[in-house]
């Protein structure tokens, strides 16, 4: 599903490149750079999502547990 959405978004940009005043070589190069940038963005999103999950597991949950233990009223 995600790939389909990215392909449709990139297709509109590719169409605009096809209708621009550039040589065929420049168009191919621009498309290659655009695909490369898209892959880099995907990698960055994947890494940041993983770091967010790791931070949640390693730091946030233990801190919340500690706060919950300390803030429990004594009965």
PDB file of N, CA and C in Angstrom:
ATOM      1  N   UNK A   1       0.829  -1.195   0.000  1.00  0.00           N
ATOM      2  CA  UNK A   1       0.000   0.000   0.000  1.00  0.00           C
ATOM      3  C   UNK A   1       0.871   1.256   0.000  1.00  0.00           C
ATOM      4  N   UNK A   2       1.875   1.281   0.880  1.00  0.00           N
ATOM      5  CA  UNK A   2       2.747   2.450   0.969  1.00  0.00           C
ATOM      6  C   UNK A   2       3.480   2.672  -0.353  1.00  0.00           C
ATOM      7  N   UNK A   3       3.954   1.574  -0.965  1.00  0.00           N
ATOM      8  CA  UNK A   3       4.660   1.697  -2.236  1.00  0.00           C
ATOM      9  C   UNK A   3       3.752   2.277  -3.312  1.00  0.00           C
ATOM     10  N   UNK A   4       2.473   1.877  -3.312  1.00  0.00           N
ATOM     11  CA  UNK A   4       1.528   2.390  -4.300  1.00  0.00           C
ATOM     12  C   UNK A   4       1.345   3.894  -4.132  1.00  0.00           C
ATOM     13  N   UNK A   5       1.224   4.338  -2.887  1.00  0.00           N
ATOM     14  CA  UNK A   5       1.040   5.774  -2.631  1.00  0.00           C
ATOM     15  C   UNK A   5       2.272   6.540  -3.083  1.00  0.00           C
ATOM     16  N   UNK A   6       3.458   6.034  -2.770  1.00  0.00           N
ATOM     17  CA  UNK A   6       4.686   6.711  -3.185  1.00  0.00           C
ATOM     18  C   UNK A   6       4.796   6.740  -4.701  1.00  0.00           C
ATOM     19  N   UNK A   7       4.435   5.637  -5.353  1.00  0.00           N
ATOM     20  CA  UNK A   7       4.527   5.594  -6.809  1.00  0.00           C
ATOM     21  C   UNK A   7       3.598   6.612  -7.453  1.00  0.00           C
ATOM     22  N   UNK A   8       2.389   6.769  -6.928  1.00  0.00           N
ATOM     23  CA  UNK A   8       1.468   7.746  -7.511  1.00  0.00           C
ATOM     24  C   UNK A   8       1.964   9.165  -7.265  1.00  0.00           C
ATOM     25  N   UNK A   9       2.551   9.420  -6.090  1.00  0.00           N
ATOM     26  CA  UNK A   9       3.097  10.752  -5.826  1.00  0.00           C
ATOM     27  C   UNK A   9       4.279  11.034  -6.747  1.00  0.00           C
ATOM     28  N   UNK A  10       5.153  10.052  -6.915  1.00  0.00           N
ATOM     29  CA  UNK A  10       6.317  10.241  -7.774  1.00  0.00           C
ATOM     30  C   UNK A  10       5.914  10.352  -9.245  1.00  0.00           C
ATOM     31  N   UNK A  11       4.850   9.650  -9.621  1.00  0.00           N
ATOM     32  CA  UNK A  11       4.412   9.684 -11.015  1.00  0.00           C
ATOM     33  C   UNK A  11       4.041  11.102 -11.438  1.00  0.00           C
ATOM     34  N   UNK A  12       3.369  11.827 -10.568  1.00  0.00           N
ATOM     35  CA  UNK A  12       2.989  13.199 -10.925  1.00  0.00           C
ATOM     36  C   UNK A  12       4.234  14.079 -11.089  1.00  0.00           C
ATOM     37  N   UNK A  13       5.232  13.855 -10.260  1.00  0.00           N
ATOM     38  CA  UNK A  13       6.471  14.622 -10.398  1.00  0.00           C
ATOM     39  C   UNK A  13       7.202  14.213 -11.672  1.00  0.00           C
ATOM     40  N   UNK A  14       7.201  12.908 -11.961  1.00  0.00           N
ATOM     41  CA  UNK A  14       7.841  12.435 -13.189  1.00  0.00           C
ATOM     42  C   UNK A  14       7.151  13.014 -14.422  1.00  0.00           C
ATOM     43  N   UNK A  15       5.824  13.105 -14.382  1.00  0.00           N
ATOM     44  CA  UNK A  15       5.089  13.697 -15.506  1.00  0.00           C
ATOM     45  C   UNK A  15       5.488  15.154 -15.715  1.00  0.00           C
ATOM     46  N   UNK A  16       5.654  15.874 -14.613  1.00  0.00           N
ATOM     47  CA  UNK A  16       6.076  17.276 -14.729  1.00  0.00           C
ATOM     48  C   UNK A  16       7.484  17.369 -15.297  1.00  0.00           C
ATOM     49  N   UNK A  17       8.338  16.438 -14.900  1.00  0.00           N
ATOM     50  CA  UNK A  17       9.697  16.431 -15.458  1.00  0.00           C
ATOM     51  C   UNK A  17       9.669  16.141 -16.954  1.00  0.00           C
ATOM     52  N   UNK A  18       8.788  15.214 -17.355  1.00  0.00           N
ATOM     53  CA  UNK A  18       8.698  14.865 -18.779  1.00  0.00           C
ATOM     54  C   UNK A  18       8.271  16.048 -19.639  1.00  0.00           C
ATOM     55  N   UNK A  19       7.484  16.944 -19.075  1.00  0.00           N
ATOM     56  CA  UNK A  19       6.998  18.084 -19.838  1.00  0.00           C
ATOM     57  C   UNK A  19       7.873  19.328 -19.675  1.00  0.00           C
ATOM     58  N   UNK A  20       8.976  19.194 -18.984  1.00  0.00           N
ATOM     59  CA  UNK A  20       9.842  20.345 -18.756  1.00  0.00           C
ATOM     60  C   UNK A  20      10.820  20.534 -19.919  1.00  0.00           C
ATOM     61  N   UNK A  21      11.460  21.683 -19.914  1.00  0.00           N
ATOM     62  CA  UNK A  21      12.444  22.018 -20.958  1.00  0.00           C
ATOM     63  C   UNK A  21      13.832  21.548 -20.553  1.00  0.00           C
ATOM     64  N   UNK A  22      14.013  20.247 -20.554  1.00  0.00           N
ATOM     65  CA  UNK A  22      15.318  19.676 -20.217  1.00  0.00           C
ATOM     66  C   UNK A  22      15.648  18.619 -21.257  1.00  0.00           C
ATOM     67  N   UNK A  23      16.921  18.337 -21.378  1.00  0.00           N
ATOM     68  CA  UNK A  23      17.315  17.275 -22.303  1.00  0.00           C
ATOM     69  C   UNK A  23      16.920  15.916 -21.700  1.00  0.00           C
ATOM     70  N   UNK A  24      16.901  14.912 -22.545  1.00  0.00           N
ATOM     71  CA  UNK A  24      16.530  13.574 -22.070  1.00  0.00           C
ATOM     72  C   UNK A  24      17.500  13.088 -20.995  1.00  0.00           C
ATOM     73  N   UNK A  25      18.767  13.406 -21.173  1.00  0.00           N
ATOM     74  CA  UNK A  25      19.769  13.000 -20.182  1.00  0.00           C
ATOM     75  C   UNK A  25      19.492  13.660 -18.834  1.00  0.00           C
ATOM     76  N   UNK A  26      19.182  14.958 -18.854  1.00  0.00           N
ATOM     77  CA  UNK A  26      18.875  15.683 -17.622  1.00  0.00           C
ATOM     78  C   UNK A  26      17.616  15.139 -16.950  1.00  0.00           C
ATOM     79  N   UNK A  27      16.616  14.780 -17.755  1.00  0.00           N
ATOM     80  CA  UNK A  27      15.386  14.212 -17.202  1.00  0.00           C
ATOM     81  C   UNK A  27      15.660  12.884 -16.515  1.00  0.00           C
ATOM     82  N   UNK A  28      16.448  12.023 -17.182  1.00  0.00           N
ATOM     83  CA  UNK A  28      16.786  10.727 -16.583  1.00  0.00           C
ATOM     84  C   UNK A  28      17.559  10.906 -15.283  1.00  0.00           C
ATOM     85  N   UNK A  29      18.479  11.846 -15.288  1.00  0.00           N
ATOM     86  CA  UNK A  29      19.279  12.122 -14.108  1.00  0.00           C
ATOM     87  C   UNK A  29      18.405  12.660 -12.969  1.00  0.00           C
ATOM     88  N   UNK A  30      17.494  13.557 -13.291  1.00  0.00           N
ATOM     89  CA  UNK A  30      16.592  14.119 -12.278  1.00  0.00           C
ATOM     90  C   UNK A  30      15.709  13.028 -11.680  1.00  0.00           C
ATOM     91  N   UNK A  31      15.211  12.129 -12.521  1.00  0.00           N
ATOM     92  CA  UNK A  31      14.379  11.032 -12.030  1.00  0.00           C
ATOM     93  C   UNK A  31      15.183  10.092 -11.144  1.00  0.00           C
ATOM     94  N   UNK A  32      16.413   9.816 -11.529  1.00  0.00           N
ATOM     95  CA  UNK A  32      17.264   8.937 -10.721  1.00  0.00           C
ATOM     96  C   UNK A  32      17.541   9.560  -9.360  1.00  0.00           C
ATOM     97  N   UNK A  33      17.829  10.869  -9.354  1.00  0.00           N
ATOM     98  CA  UNK A  33      18.063  11.563  -8.087  1.00  0.00           C
ATOM     99  C   UNK A  33      16.804  11.592  -7.228  1.00  0.00           C
ATOM    100  N   UNK A  34      15.668  11.761  -7.856  1.00  0.00           N
ATOM    101  CA  UNK A  34      14.405  11.776  -7.125  1.00  0.00           C
ATOM    102  C   UNK A  34      14.135  10.417  -6.473  1.00  0.00           C
ATOM    103  N   UNK A  35      14.356   9.338  -7.209  1.00  0.00           N
ATOM    104  CA  UNK A  35      14.188   8.000  -6.639  1.00  0.00           C
ATOM    105  C   UNK A  35      15.175   7.754  -5.504  1.00  0.00           C
ATOM    106  N   UNK A  36      16.397   8.218  -5.683  1.00  0.00           N
ATOM    107  CA  UNK A  36      17.409   8.055  -4.652  1.00  0.00           C
ATOM    108  C   UNK A  36      17.019   8.832  -3.389  1.00  0.00           C
ATOM    109  N   UNK A  37      16.529  10.034  -3.558  1.00  0.00           N
ATOM    110  CA  UNK A  37      16.088  10.839  -2.414  1.00  0.00           C
ATOM    111  C   UNK A  37      14.914  10.172  -1.709  1.00  0.00           C
ATOM    112  N   UNK A  38      14.008   9.589  -2.469  1.00  0.00           N
ATOM    113  CA  UNK A  38      12.864   8.895  -1.883  1.00  0.00           C
ATOM    114  C   UNK A  38      13.329   7.711  -1.042  1.00  0.00           C
ATOM    115  N   UNK A  39      14.314   6.980  -1.535  1.00  0.00           N
ATOM    116  CA  UNK A  39      14.843   5.844  -0.775  1.00  0.00           C
ATOM    117  C   UNK A  39      15.531   6.310   0.501  1.00  0.00           C
ATOM    118  N   UNK A  40      16.251   7.416   0.432  1.00  0.00           N
ATOM    119  CA  UNK A  40      16.911   7.952   1.624  1.00  0.00           C
ATOM    120  C   UNK A  40      15.883   8.376   2.659  1.00  0.00           C
ATOM    121  N   UNK A  41      14.821   9.025   2.218  1.00  0.00           N
ATOM    122  CA  UNK A  41      13.761   9.447   3.137  1.00  0.00           C
ATOM    123  C   UNK A  41      13.113   8.224   3.799  1.00  0.00           C
ATOM    124  N   UNK A  42      12.849   7.183   3.023  1.00  0.00           N
ATOM    125  CA  UNK A  42      12.286   5.963   3.589  1.00  0.00           C
ATOM    126  C   UNK A  42      13.206   5.370   4.651  1.00  0.00           C
ATOM    127  N   UNK A  43      14.496   5.353   4.371  1.00  0.00           N
ATOM    128  CA  UNK A  43      15.463   4.825   5.328  1.00  0.00           C
ATOM    129  C   UNK A  43      15.490   5.663   6.599  1.00  0.00           C
ATOM    130  N   UNK A  44      15.468   6.975   6.452  1.00  0.00           N
ATOM    131  CA  UNK A  44      15.462   7.862   7.620  1.00  0.00           C
ATOM    132  C   UNK A  44      14.204   7.639   8.454  1.00  0.00           C
ATOM    133  N   UNK A  45      13.054   7.529   7.804  1.00  0.00           N
ATOM    134  CA  UNK A  45      11.815   7.275   8.541  1.00  0.00           C
ATOM    135  C   UNK A  45      11.859   5.937   9.258  1.00  0.00           C
ATOM    136  N   UNK A  46      12.407   4.914   8.618  1.00  0.00           N
ATOM    137  CA  UNK A  46      12.508   3.588   9.221  1.00  0.00           C
ATOM    138  C   UNK A  46      13.412   3.639  10.458  1.00  0.00           C
ATOM    139  N   UNK A  47      14.552   4.321  10.341  1.00  0.00           N
ATOM    140  CA  UNK A  47      15.492   4.414  11.462  1.00  0.00           C
ATOM    141  C   UNK A  47      14.891   5.214  12.613  1.00  0.00           C
ATOM    142  N   UNK A  48      14.262   6.342  12.323  1.00  0.00           N
ATOM    143  CA  UNK A  48      13.699   7.157  13.399  1.00  0.00           C
ATOM    144  C   UNK A  48      12.547   6.450  14.096  1.00  0.00           C
ATOM    145  N   UNK A  49      11.752   5.701  13.349  1.00  0.00           N
ATOM    146  CA  UNK A  49      10.676   4.924  13.973  1.00  0.00           C
ATOM    147  C   UNK A  49      11.264   3.867  14.900  1.00  0.00           C
ATOM    148  N   UNK A  50      12.310   3.203  14.451  1.00  0.00           N
ATOM    149  CA  UNK A  50      12.971   2.210  15.293  1.00  0.00           C
ATOM    150  C   UNK A  50      13.574   2.824  16.543  1.00  0.00           C
ATOM    151  N   UNK A  51      14.206   3.984  16.392  1.00  0.00           N
ATOM    152  CA  UNK A  51      14.781   4.667  17.558  1.00  0.00           C
ATOM    153  C   UNK A  51      13.700   5.108  18.538  1.00  0.00           C
ATOM    154  N   UNK A  52      12.584   5.536  18.016  1.00  0.00           N
ATOM    155  CA  UNK A  52      11.478   5.942  18.884  1.00  0.00           C
ATOM    156  C   UNK A  52      10.982   4.754  19.696  1.00  0.00           C
ATOM    157  N   UNK A  53      10.826   3.614  19.048  1.00  0.00           N
ATOM    158  CA  UNK A  53      10.384   2.409  19.761  1.00  0.00           C
ATOM    159  C   UNK A  53      11.407   1.962  20.794  1.00  0.00           C
ATOM    160  N   UNK A  54      12.671   2.016  20.425  1.00  0.00           N
ATOM    161  CA  UNK A  54      13.735   1.624  21.345  1.00  0.00           C
ATOM    162  C   UNK A  54      13.772   2.554  22.546  1.00  0.00           C
ATOM    163  N   UNK A  55      13.643   3.841  22.316  1.00  0.00           N
ATOM    164  CA  UNK A  55      13.626   4.807  23.410  1.00  0.00           C
ATOM    165  C   UNK A  55      12.449   4.545  24.335  1.00  0.00           C
ATOM    166  N   UNK A  56      11.323   4.242  23.758  1.00  0.00           N
ATOM    167  CA  UNK A  56      10.127   3.929  24.557  1.00  0.00           C
ATOM    168  C   UNK A  56      10.394   2.724  25.463  1.00  0.00           C
ATOM    169  N   UNK A  57      11.003   1.687  24.913  1.00  0.00           N
ATOM    170  CA  UNK A  57      11.255   0.473  25.685  1.00  0.00           C
ATOM    171  C   UNK A  57      12.340   0.653  26.728  1.00  0.00           C
ATOM    172  N   UNK A  58      13.414   1.322  26.383  1.00  0.00           N
ATOM    173  CA  UNK A  58      14.582   1.382  27.253  1.00  0.00           C
ATOM    174  C   UNK A  58      14.500   2.505  28.285  1.00  0.00           C
ATOM    175  N   UNK A  59      13.915   3.627  27.919  1.00  0.00           N
ATOM    176  CA  UNK A  59      13.945   4.783  28.825  1.00  0.00           C
ATOM    177  C   UNK A  59      12.577   5.111  29.405  1.00  0.00           C
ATOM    178  N   UNK A  60      11.597   5.304  28.550  1.00  0.00           N
ATOM    179  CA  UNK A  60      10.312   5.842  29.003  1.00  0.00           C
ATOM    180  C   UNK A  60       9.567   4.869  29.911  1.00  0.00           C
ATOM    181  N   UNK A  61       9.450   3.619  29.494  1.00  0.00           N
ATOM    182  CA  UNK A  61       8.705   2.664  30.321  1.00  0.00           C
ATOM    183  C   UNK A  61       9.332   2.459  31.700  1.00  0.00           C
ATOM    184  N   UNK A  62      10.656   2.248  31.808  1.00  0.00           N
ATOM    185  CA  UNK A  62      11.232   2.104  33.149  1.00  0.00           C
ATOM    186  C   UNK A  62      11.050   3.350  34.016  1.00  0.00           C
ATOM    187  N   UNK A  63      11.159   4.530  33.428  1.00  0.00           N
ATOM    188  CA  UNK A  63      10.968   5.764  34.196  1.00  0.00           C
ATOM    189  C   UNK A  63       9.530   5.849  34.691  1.00  0.00           C
ATOM    190  N   UNK A  64       8.591   5.519  33.834  1.00  0.00           N
ATOM    191  CA  UNK A  64       7.178   5.544  34.255  1.00  0.00           C
ATOM    192  C   UNK A  64       6.919   4.543  35.369  1.00  0.00           C
ATOM    193  N   UNK A  65       7.527   3.349  35.261  1.00  0.00           N
ATOM    194  CA  UNK A  65       7.364   2.346  36.316  1.00  0.00           C
ATOM    195  C   UNK A  65       7.944   2.860  37.627  1.00  0.00           C
ATOM    196  N   UNK A  66       9.112   3.489  37.560  1.00  0.00           N
ATOM    197  CA  UNK A  66       9.731   4.030  38.756  1.00  0.00           C
ATOM    198  C   UNK A  66       8.886   5.116  39.390  1.00  0.00           C
ATOM    199  N   UNK A  67       8.349   5.983  38.580  1.00  0.00           N
ATOM    200  CA  UNK A  67       7.480   7.049  39.100  1.00  0.00           C
ATOM    201  C   UNK A  67       6.226   6.458  39.730  1.00  0.00           C
ATOM    202  N   UNK A  68       5.676   5.433  39.095  1.00  0.00           N
ATOM    203  CA  UNK A  68       4.473   4.796  39.642  1.00  0.00           C
ATOM    204  C   UNK A  68       4.763   4.146  40.981  1.00  0.00           C
ATOM    205  N   UNK A  69       5.938   3.536  41.136  1.00  0.00           N
ATOM    206  CA  UNK A  69       6.301   2.914  42.412  1.00  0.00           C
ATOM    207  C   UNK A  69       6.480   3.954  43.510  1.00  0.00           C
ATOM    208  N   UNK A  70       7.106   5.052  43.183  1.00  0.00           N
ATOM    209  CA  UNK A  70       7.375   6.081  44.169  1.00  0.00           C
ATOM    210  C   UNK A  70       6.107   6.842  44.540  1.00  0.00           C
ATOM    211  N   UNK A  71       5.233   7.052  43.602  1.00  0.00           N
ATOM    212  CA  UNK A  71       4.052   7.874  43.863  1.00  0.00           C
ATOM    213  C   UNK A  71       2.869   7.102  44.414  1.00  0.00           C
ATOM    214  N   UNK A  72       3.009   5.772  44.612  1.00  0.00           N
ATOM    215  CA  UNK A  72       1.907   4.999  45.220  1.00  0.00           C
ATOM    216  C   UNK A  72       1.725   5.410  46.676  1.00  0.00           C
ATOM    217  N   UNK A  73       0.481   5.631  47.064  1.00  0.00           N
ATOM    218  CA  UNK A  73       0.252   5.998  48.474  1.00  0.00           C
ATOM    219  C   UNK A  73       0.482   4.784  49.379  1.00  0.00           C
ATOM    220  N   UNK A  74       1.031   5.042  50.556  1.00  0.00           N
ATOM    221  CA  UNK A  74       1.282   3.954  51.511  1.00  0.00           C
ATOM    222  C   UNK A  74      -0.011   3.606  52.206  1.00  0.00           C
ATOM    223  N   UNK A  75      -0.327   2.337  52.226  1.00  0.00           N
ATOM    224  CA  UNK A  75      -1.559   1.883  52.902  1.00  0.00           C
ATOM    225  C   UNK A  75      -1.223   1.116  54.136  1.00  0.00           C
TER     226      UNK A  75
END
